[in-house]
Amino acid sequence: MIDTSSKRLAVVGGGPAGLMAAEMACAAGLAVDLYDGMGSPGRKFLLAGKGGLNLTHGEPLGHFVERYGARRRDVARWLQAFGADELRAWARELGVETFTGSSGRVFPHDLKAAPLLRGWVRRLHAQGVVFHMHHCWLGWRDDGALRFATPAGERIAHADALVLALGGASWPQLGSDGGWFAVLQAAGVDLAPLQPANCGFEIDWSEHLRTRFAGSPLKAVVAHWIDRDGTPRSRQGECVLSEYGIEGSLIYAIGAALREQVMAQGEARLQLDLAPGRSEPELAARLAAPRGRHSLGDWLRRRAGLDAVKCALVFEAVDKAVLADPTALAARIKALPLRLRAPRPLAEAISTAGGVRLEALDGHLMLRDRPGVFCAGEMLDWEAPTGGYLLTACFASGRLAGEGVARWLGQR
């Protein structure tokens, strides 16, 4: 055993990554102070569970890690030590049983985040973690001491090591405002620009579509797009028409590629197959039958299986000449073109891409150029779609950082 009883760790950030880092460091014998700018820890975690806490995902690890895109090899290493199965076992230790839904997503039986968070914080208190709320990190003093803004004025704290788990820059009202970016940038830390992830995209809808169909779901569609390496891709899922454009799980899953298209070309091109259950020739043949007195919308519903929202999209994107040609109309229904102008602002996104580049960190998530400072969670330069992948990697990175602190202080 390494004697770390005289060592003190400061963890800044009370989300899953910070809490997990505190738990691991405390278990290793460190004295742990946890600082957070809000009045209680885990505010964004509670929001994530508002509609049912999607804790992780039940798919095999090989498929699981693919969700992390360009960072999948790095994140895979985190998950090998603490993946979906380990996260579920950890929740069980806190008295929270989980189940796997039909989509593969894993939820607590009561679907709530609050009982899990309450039990976790209670256990951390019992283990000796000291919580300091309403403490906003301002950076370092010249002598290395930590600076915090508090309601009572600036406070100074000292620690033998530091874990930064400050989140991204989405949902700033819950504490993740990205204020740390300028501090680390001034300190010379290698950073990737912060960008919105798991967000909607803007499309110039007509006033009719915006007012009549905003908030309507688009179910059972297949998206076709060009990936970052120029490869054509497709994915089936669901999305939602919004007043500003389009959003939802399908869009979030492919959002990184769409965002890169916008950055490179000024817009992103997306095609939607509105009738994935029918081939284009079959659809053309069905639409070529005599329409009689049926309106075109009713005909599309009867012969192509399109609901009112899909019909509205067809009328939005297709001109009269195509509407009159069953073959051309079938082709458009199978590949309806959409032009995405921009992702929604960062403050509206579910999560953040960019942050501390993983190349600036060692294998235990310590900054190579600032020994004793570890980083974890969403403030690192990785991203993932919704579906439990974000939370799982945040937990895993926090665990790795907490273990890394204990290892580093023990070696010192």
Protein backbone atom coordinates (compact mmCIF):
# COMPACT_ATOMS: atom_id res chain seq x y z
CA MET A 1 0.00 0.00 0.00
CA ILE A 2 1.16 3.53 -0.79
CA ASP A 3 0.82 5.97 2.09
CA THR A 4 -1.04 8.98 0.75
CA SER A 5 -2.70 9.99 4.02
CA SER A 6 -0.87 13.32 4.18
CA LYS A 7 -1.74 14.27 0.61
CA ARG A 8 -4.64 16.53 -0.38
CA LEU A 9 -6.49 16.56 -3.70
CA ALA A 10 -8.69 19.33 -5.04
CA VAL A 11 -11.39 18.28 -7.50
CA VAL A 12 -13.05 21.13 -9.38
CA GLY A 13 -16.41 20.16 -10.85
CA GLY A 14 -19.23 18.20 -9.24
CA GLY A 15 -20.52 16.27 -12.24
CA PRO A 16 -20.07 12.51 -12.80
CA ALA A 17 -16.38 12.82 -13.80
CA GLY A 18 -15.46 14.94 -10.79
CA LEU A 19 -17.43 12.87 -8.32
CA MET A 20 -15.91 9.66 -9.64
CA ALA A 21 -12.39 11.12 -9.43
CA ALA A 22 -13.09 12.13 -5.83
CA GLU A 23 -14.37 8.65 -5.01
CA MET A 24 -11.30 6.89 -6.40
CA ALA A 25 -8.85 9.29 -4.74
CA CYS A 26 -10.62 9.03 -1.40
CA ALA A 27 -10.52 5.23 -1.61
CA ALA A 28 -6.75 5.49 -2.12
CA GLY A 29 -6.39 7.40 1.14
CA LEU A 30 -6.21 10.97 -0.13
CA ALA A 31 -7.94 13.88 1.59
CA VAL A 32 -10.32 15.25 -1.02
CA ASP A 33 -11.91 18.68 -1.36
CA LEU A 34 -14.52 19.01 -4.11
CA TYR A 35 -15.37 22.47 -5.42
CA ASP A 36 -18.34 23.42 -7.61
CA GLY A 37 -19.73 26.74 -8.76
CA MET A 38 -23.36 25.75 -8.20
CA GLY A 39 -25.23 25.30 -4.94
CA SER A 40 -25.24 21.51 -5.18
CA PRO A 41 -23.34 18.94 -7.25
CA GLY A 42 -24.56 17.19 -10.38
CA ARG A 43 -26.94 19.84 -11.73
CA LYS A 44 -26.50 18.82 -15.38
CA PHE A 45 -26.62 15.14 -14.41
CA LEU A 46 -30.04 15.75 -12.88
CA LEU A 47 -31.19 17.49 -16.07
CA ALA A 48 -30.02 14.50 -18.12
CA GLY A 49 -32.31 12.33 -16.02
CA LYS A 50 -35.34 14.61 -16.26
CA GLY A 51 -36.94 12.54 -19.01
CA GLY A 52 -35.51 9.22 -17.79
CA LEU A 53 -31.83 8.78 -16.94
CA ASN A 54 -30.09 6.99 -19.82
CA LEU A 55 -27.09 5.83 -17.80
CA THR A 56 -25.29 3.71 -20.41
CA HIS A 57 -25.91 1.35 -23.33
CA GLY A 58 -26.10 -2.43 -23.52
CA GLU A 59 -24.39 -3.05 -26.85
CA PRO A 60 -21.09 -5.01 -27.03
CA LEU A 61 -17.90 -3.05 -26.31
CA GLY A 62 -16.69 -3.32 -29.91
CA HIS A 63 -19.77 -1.48 -31.19
CA PHE A 64 -19.88 0.76 -28.13
CA VAL A 65 -16.46 2.33 -28.72
CA GLU A 66 -17.28 3.09 -32.37
CA ARG A 67 -19.66 5.79 -31.10
CA TYR A 68 -16.67 7.92 -30.12
CA GLY A 69 -15.56 8.52 -33.70
CA ALA A 70 -12.04 9.86 -34.10
CA ARG A 71 -11.33 9.38 -30.37
CA ARG A 72 -12.57 5.81 -30.14
CA ARG A 73 -9.13 4.29 -29.47
CA ASP A 74 -8.47 6.63 -26.56
CA VAL A 75 -11.93 6.26 -25.04
CA ALA A 76 -11.80 2.46 -25.53
CA ARG A 77 -8.88 2.38 -23.11
CA TRP A 78 -10.95 4.20 -20.48
CA LEU A 79 -13.88 1.85 -20.99
CA GLN A 80 -11.83 -1.34 -20.75
CA ALA A 81 -11.37 -0.56 -17.06
CA PHE A 82 -14.84 0.87 -16.43
CA GLY A 83 -17.41 0.26 -19.14
CA ALA A 84 -21.14 -0.29 -19.22
CA ASP A 85 -21.14 -3.48 -17.12
CA GLU A 86 -18.92 -1.95 -14.45
CA LEU A 87 -21.07 1.19 -14.35
CA ARG A 88 -24.22 -0.88 -13.81
CA ALA A 89 -22.50 -2.86 -11.03
CA TRP A 90 -21.38 0.39 -9.42
CA ALA A 91 -24.96 1.75 -9.51
CA ARG A 92 -26.15 -1.51 -7.92
CA GLU A 93 -23.77 -0.92 -5.01
CA LEU A 94 -25.64 2.35 -4.44
CA GLY A 95 -28.95 0.48 -4.41
CA VAL A 96 -29.95 1.44 -7.96
CA GLU A 97 -30.92 -1.48 -10.21
CA THR A 98 -30.95 -0.95 -13.95
CA PHE A 99 -32.68 -2.46 -16.98
CA THR A 100 -32.02 -2.50 -20.72
CA GLY A 101 -34.75 -1.02 -22.89
CA SER A 102 -35.80 -2.20 -26.34
CA SER A 103 -33.34 0.23 -27.96
CA GLY A 104 -30.42 -1.13 -25.95
CA ARG A 105 -30.30 1.91 -23.68
CA VAL A 106 -29.82 1.26 -19.98
CA PHE A 107 -31.96 3.04 -17.36
CA PRO A 108 -32.48 2.89 -13.58
CA HIS A 109 -35.69 1.01 -12.76
CA ASP A 110 -37.30 4.21 -11.50
CA LEU A 111 -35.87 6.15 -14.49
CA LYS A 112 -34.68 8.92 -12.16
CA ALA A 113 -31.25 10.49 -11.64
CA ALA A 114 -31.93 12.03 -8.22
CA PRO A 115 -31.87 8.82 -6.09
CA LEU A 116 -28.56 7.75 -7.64
CA LEU A 117 -26.98 11.17 -7.15
CA ARG A 118 -28.26 11.52 -3.57
CA GLY A 119 -26.95 8.11 -2.59
CA TRP A 120 -23.60 8.80 -4.22
CA VAL A 121 -23.10 12.19 -2.58
CA ARG A 122 -24.16 10.76 0.79
CA ARG A 123 -21.56 8.00 0.46
CA LEU A 124 -18.84 10.47 -0.54
CA HIS A 125 -19.63 12.59 2.51
CA ALA A 126 -19.35 9.49 4.69
CA GLN A 127 -16.00 8.62 3.10
CA GLY A 128 -14.62 12.03 4.01
CA VAL A 129 -14.95 14.09 0.81
CA VAL A 130 -15.44 17.75 1.76
CA PHE A 131 -17.80 19.65 -0.54
CA HIS A 132 -17.35 23.38 -1.20
CA MET A 133 -20.33 24.81 -3.10
CA HIS A 134 -20.57 28.22 -4.80
CA HIS A 135 -16.84 28.09 -5.56
CA CYS A 136 -16.05 29.15 -9.15
CA TRP A 137 -12.50 28.32 -10.19
CA LEU A 138 -10.51 31.33 -11.41
CA GLY A 139 -7.19 29.62 -12.06
CA TRP A 140 -3.87 29.66 -10.21
CA ARG A 141 -2.06 32.22 -8.17
CA ASP A 142 1.64 32.78 -8.97
CA ASP A 143 2.65 30.40 -6.17
CA GLY A 144 0.41 27.63 -7.55
CA ALA A 145 -2.44 28.10 -5.08
CA LEU A 146 -5.98 27.75 -6.44
CA ARG A 147 -8.19 30.82 -6.78
CA PHE A 148 -11.96 30.62 -6.32
CA ALA A 149 -14.68 33.23 -6.56
CA THR A 150 -17.23 32.79 -3.76
CA PRO A 151 -20.18 34.86 -2.51
CA ALA A 152 -17.89 36.06 0.29
CA GLY A 153 -15.13 37.12 -2.10
CA GLU A 154 -12.07 35.42 -3.53
CA ARG A 155 -10.77 32.39 -1.65
CA ILE A 156 -7.39 30.66 -1.92
CA ALA A 157 -6.92 26.91 -1.53
CA HIS A 158 -3.85 24.67 -1.56
CA ALA A 159 -3.61 21.08 -2.77
CA ASP A 160 -0.96 18.54 -3.71
CA ALA A 161 -2.81 17.67 -6.92
CA LEU A 162 -5.76 18.94 -8.92
CA VAL A 163 -8.46 17.25 -11.00
CA LEU A 164 -10.33 19.56 -13.34
CA ALA A 165 -13.73 18.17 -14.34
CA LEU A 166 -15.46 21.39 -15.34
CA GLY A 167 -17.69 20.09 -18.13
CA GLY A 168 -18.15 21.66 -21.53
CA ALA A 169 -19.90 24.89 -22.43
CA SER A 170 -23.45 23.71 -23.06
CA TRP A 171 -26.23 24.52 -20.59
CA PRO A 172 -24.20 27.32 -18.91
CA GLN A 173 -27.05 28.01 -16.50
CA LEU A 174 -26.21 24.68 -14.85
CA GLY A 175 -22.56 25.54 -14.34
CA SER A 176 -20.92 24.24 -17.54
CA ASP A 177 -20.15 27.63 -19.04
CA GLY A 178 -16.69 26.95 -20.51
CA GLY A 179 -15.11 29.69 -18.39
CA TRP A 180 -12.12 27.43 -17.80
CA PHE A 181 -11.15 27.60 -21.49
CA ALA A 182 -9.55 31.06 -21.26
CA VAL A 183 -7.74 30.12 -18.03
CA LEU A 184 -6.16 27.01 -19.53
CA GLN A 185 -5.44 28.79 -22.80
CA ALA A 186 -3.52 31.48 -20.89
CA ALA A 187 -1.63 28.70 -19.10
CA GLY A 188 -0.48 27.29 -22.44
CA VAL A 189 -2.60 24.13 -22.41
CA ASP A 190 -3.22 22.66 -25.88
CA LEU A 191 -6.93 23.13 -26.58
CA ALA A 192 -9.31 22.40 -29.45
CA PRO A 193 -12.02 25.05 -30.01
CA LEU A 194 -15.29 24.35 -28.23
CA GLN A 195 -18.15 23.45 -30.57
CA PRO A 196 -21.76 22.30 -30.17
CA ALA A 197 -22.40 18.55 -30.18
CA ASN A 198 -25.68 16.65 -29.96
CA CYS A 199 -27.52 19.68 -31.24
CA GLY A 200 -30.02 20.62 -33.90
CA PHE A 201 -29.22 22.18 -37.28
CA GLU A 202 -30.78 25.20 -38.92
CA ILE A 203 -32.79 24.90 -42.16
CA ASP A 204 -34.64 27.71 -43.93
CA TRP A 205 -38.19 26.33 -43.66
CA SER A 206 -41.14 28.09 -45.17
CA GLU A 207 -43.47 29.91 -42.80
CA HIS A 208 -46.13 27.24 -43.44
CA LEU A 209 -43.88 24.37 -42.37
CA ARG A 210 -42.53 26.29 -39.40
CA THR A 211 -45.93 27.20 -38.00
CA ARG A 212 -47.80 23.99 -38.82
CA PHE A 213 -45.24 21.25 -38.14
CA ALA A 214 -42.63 22.54 -35.65
CA GLY A 215 -42.23 19.88 -32.96
CA SER A 216 -43.53 17.05 -35.16
CA PRO A 217 -41.56 13.78 -35.15
CA LEU A 218 -40.17 12.20 -38.30
CA LYS A 219 -40.27 8.48 -37.64
CA ALA A 220 -38.70 5.63 -39.58
CA VAL A 221 -36.48 7.60 -41.92
CA VAL A 222 -33.01 6.83 -43.24
CA ALA A 223 -30.43 9.61 -43.39
CA HIS A 224 -27.79 9.59 -46.13
CA TRP A 225 -24.71 11.81 -45.84
CA ILE A 226 -21.03 12.00 -46.73
CA ASP A 227 -18.69 11.24 -43.83
CA ARG A 228 -15.56 13.23 -42.98
CA ASP A 229 -13.40 10.87 -45.06
CA GLY A 230 -15.64 11.25 -48.14
CA THR A 231 -17.43 7.93 -47.65
CA PRO A 232 -21.21 7.78 -48.25
CA ARG A 233 -23.00 6.78 -45.04
CA SER A 234 -26.56 5.96 -44.03
CA ARG A 235 -28.38 5.47 -40.75
CA GLN A 236 -32.01 4.77 -39.83
CA GLY A 237 -33.68 6.50 -36.94
CA GLU A 238 -36.00 9.26 -35.85
CA CYS A 239 -35.73 13.03 -35.70
CA VAL A 240 -37.92 16.05 -35.07
CA LEU A 241 -38.81 19.07 -37.19
CA SER A 242 -38.27 22.26 -35.20
CA GLU A 243 -39.03 25.90 -35.82
CA TYR A 244 -35.40 26.54 -36.71
CA GLY A 245 -34.67 23.29 -38.58
CA ILE A 246 -34.18 19.68 -37.50
CA GLU A 247 -33.03 17.90 -34.34
CA GLY A 248 -33.38 14.59 -32.49
CA SER A 249 -31.48 11.36 -31.93
CA LEU A 250 -30.77 10.59 -35.59
CA ILE A 251 -29.32 14.07 -36.16
CA TYR A 252 -27.28 13.89 -32.96
CA ALA A 253 -25.79 10.56 -34.02
CA ILE A 254 -24.38 12.02 -37.25
CA GLY A 255 -23.94 15.58 -36.02
CA ALA A 256 -20.13 15.56 -35.98
CA ALA A 257 -19.96 14.84 -39.72
CA LEU A 258 -22.65 17.43 -40.47
CA ARG A 259 -20.88 20.05 -38.37
CA GLU A 260 -17.59 19.43 -40.19
CA GLN A 261 -19.37 19.80 -43.54
CA VAL A 262 -20.74 23.16 -42.46
CA MET A 263 -17.29 24.31 -41.34
CA ALA A 264 -15.64 23.18 -44.60
CA GLN A 265 -18.34 24.10 -47.12
CA GLY A 266 -20.61 26.63 -45.45
CA GLU A 267 -23.50 24.16 -45.33
CA ALA A 268 -24.19 20.44 -44.94
CA ARG A 269 -26.13 18.27 -47.38
CA LEU A 270 -28.42 15.59 -46.02
CA GLN A 271 -30.84 13.28 -47.81
CA LEU A 272 -33.75 11.56 -46.11
CA ASP A 273 -35.40 8.36 -47.28
CA LEU A 274 -39.00 8.92 -46.19
CA ALA A 275 -40.17 5.43 -47.21
CA PRO A 276 -37.41 2.98 -46.20
CA GLY A 277 -39.74 0.01 -46.41
CA ARG A 278 -40.26 0.38 -50.18
CA SER A 279 -37.87 0.33 -53.12
CA GLU A 280 -37.83 3.21 -55.57
CA PRO A 281 -39.29 1.17 -58.51
CA GLU A 282 -42.07 -0.18 -56.28
CA LEU A 283 -42.84 3.31 -55.04
CA ALA A 284 -42.90 4.72 -58.59
CA ALA A 285 -45.30 1.98 -59.71
CA ARG A 286 -47.64 2.62 -56.80
CA LEU A 287 -47.66 6.37 -57.42
CA ALA A 288 -48.31 5.87 -61.15
CA ALA A 289 -51.75 4.34 -60.51
CA PRO A 290 -54.73 6.59 -61.40
CA ARG A 291 -55.27 9.09 -58.58
CA GLY A 292 -58.91 9.86 -59.31
CA ARG A 293 -60.36 12.46 -56.95
CA HIS A 294 -57.78 11.93 -54.19
CA SER A 295 -55.67 14.93 -53.27
CA LEU A 296 -51.94 14.50 -53.74
CA GLY A 297 -51.41 14.48 -49.98
CA ASP A 298 -53.98 11.75 -49.52
CA TRP A 299 -52.47 9.84 -52.43
CA LEU A 300 -49.01 10.00 -50.86
CA ARG A 301 -50.46 8.71 -47.62
CA ARG A 302 -52.31 5.83 -49.29
CA ARG A 303 -49.76 4.79 -51.90
CA ALA A 304 -46.41 5.75 -50.33
CA GLY A 305 -47.30 5.37 -46.64
CA LEU A 306 -46.30 8.95 -45.80
CA ASP A 307 -47.85 10.68 -42.81
CA ALA A 308 -48.75 14.38 -42.71
CA VAL A 309 -45.27 15.49 -41.63
CA LYS A 310 -43.51 13.58 -44.41
CA CYS A 311 -46.02 14.89 -46.95
CA ALA A 312 -45.31 18.43 -45.77
CA LEU A 313 -41.59 17.83 -46.26
CA VAL A 314 -42.20 16.57 -49.79
CA PHE A 315 -44.23 19.66 -50.67
CA GLU A 316 -41.52 21.83 -49.09
CA ALA A 317 -38.65 20.38 -51.11
CA VAL A 318 -40.23 19.27 -54.42
CA ASP A 319 -41.43 21.47 -57.29
CA LYS A 320 -44.63 20.99 -59.27
CA ALA A 321 -42.94 19.26 -62.22
CA VAL A 322 -41.55 16.54 -59.96
CA LEU A 323 -44.85 16.19 -58.09
CA ALA A 324 -46.51 15.42 -61.44
CA ASP A 325 -43.97 12.73 -62.41
CA PRO A 326 -44.38 9.46 -60.42
CA THR A 327 -40.85 8.27 -61.25
CA ALA A 328 -39.17 11.54 -60.28
CA LEU A 329 -41.38 11.87 -57.20
CA ALA A 330 -40.45 8.37 -56.03
CA ALA A 331 -36.76 9.26 -56.40
CA ARG A 332 -37.24 12.38 -54.26
CA ILE A 333 -39.15 10.51 -51.59
CA LYS A 334 -36.28 8.04 -51.38
CA ALA A 335 -33.67 10.83 -51.25
CA LEU A 336 -35.25 14.09 -50.13
CA PRO A 337 -32.51 16.77 -50.12
CA LEU A 338 -32.06 19.08 -47.12
CA ARG A 339 -29.57 21.93 -46.78
CA LEU A 340 -28.37 22.51 -43.23
CA ARG A 341 -27.01 26.04 -42.74
CA ALA A 342 -25.44 25.79 -39.28
CA PRO A 343 -25.54 23.92 -35.98
CA ARG A 344 -27.45 25.58 -33.17
CA PRO A 345 -25.51 27.74 -30.68
CA LEU A 346 -23.25 26.05 -28.16
CA ALA A 347 -25.35 27.12 -25.19
CA GLU A 348 -28.32 25.16 -26.61
CA ALA A 349 -26.40 21.95 -27.33
CA ILE A 350 -26.68 18.84 -25.19
CA SER A 351 -22.91 18.46 -25.07
CA THR A 352 -19.64 19.98 -26.25
CA ALA A 353 -16.97 18.93 -28.71
CA GLY A 354 -13.42 20.23 -28.36
CA GLY A 355 -11.55 21.10 -25.19
CA VAL A 356 -8.30 19.80 -23.73
CA ARG A 357 -6.62 17.78 -26.48
CA LEU A 358 -5.90 14.21 -25.42
CA GLU A 359 -2.40 14.57 -26.86
CA ALA A 360 -1.70 17.07 -24.05
CA LEU A 361 -2.40 14.36 -21.44
CA ASP A 362 -0.55 11.25 -20.36
CA GLY A 363 -2.14 7.82 -20.00
CA HIS A 364 -3.68 8.76 -16.63
CA LEU A 365 -5.09 12.08 -17.96
CA MET A 366 -2.43 14.30 -16.34
CA LEU A 367 -1.28 17.36 -18.28
CA ARG A 368 2.20 16.59 -19.60
CA ASP A 369 3.33 20.20 -19.21
CA ARG A 370 1.72 20.75 -15.80
CA PRO A 371 2.48 17.79 -13.48
CA GLY A 372 -0.14 17.17 -10.83
CA VAL A 373 -3.01 18.63 -12.88
CA PHE A 374 -5.44 16.05 -14.26
CA CYS A 375 -8.45 16.63 -16.54
CA ALA A 376 -11.56 14.49 -16.98
CA GLY A 377 -15.05 14.42 -18.44
CA GLU A 378 -16.64 16.58 -21.07
CA MET A 379 -13.93 19.26 -20.97
CA LEU A 380 -11.68 16.81 -22.86
CA ASP A 381 -11.57 16.78 -26.66
CA TRP A 382 -13.93 13.89 -27.45
CA GLU A 383 -17.61 13.59 -28.26
CA ALA A 384 -20.30 10.95 -28.54
CA PRO A 385 -23.99 10.79 -29.44
CA THR A 386 -26.70 10.52 -26.83
CA GLY A 387 -27.68 7.02 -25.76
CA GLY A 388 -25.62 6.61 -22.58
CA TYR A 389 -22.27 7.01 -24.34
CA LEU A 390 -21.59 10.50 -22.99
CA LEU A 391 -22.21 9.59 -19.36
CA THR A 392 -20.31 6.32 -19.51
CA ALA A 393 -17.14 7.98 -20.81
CA CYS A 394 -17.44 10.79 -18.24
CA PHE A 395 -17.61 8.25 -15.41
CA ALA A 396 -14.73 6.25 -16.88
CA SER A 397 -12.45 9.25 -17.41
CA GLY A 398 -13.10 10.48 -13.87
CA ARG A 399 -12.21 7.08 -12.50
CA LEU A 400 -8.99 7.01 -14.54
CA ALA A 401 -8.01 10.49 -13.37
CA GLY A 402 -8.70 9.66 -9.70
CA GLU A 403 -6.56 6.54 -9.95
CA GLY A 404 -3.89 8.54 -11.76
CA VAL A 405 -3.72 11.10 -8.96
CA ALA A 406 -3.19 8.40 -6.34
CA ARG A 407 -0.50 6.80 -8.48
CA TRP A 408 1.30 10.09 -9.14
CA LEU A 409 1.25 11.25 -5.53
CA GLY A 410 2.40 7.83 -4.35
CA GLN A 411 5.36 7.91 -6.73
CA ARG A 412 6.28 11.39 -5.58
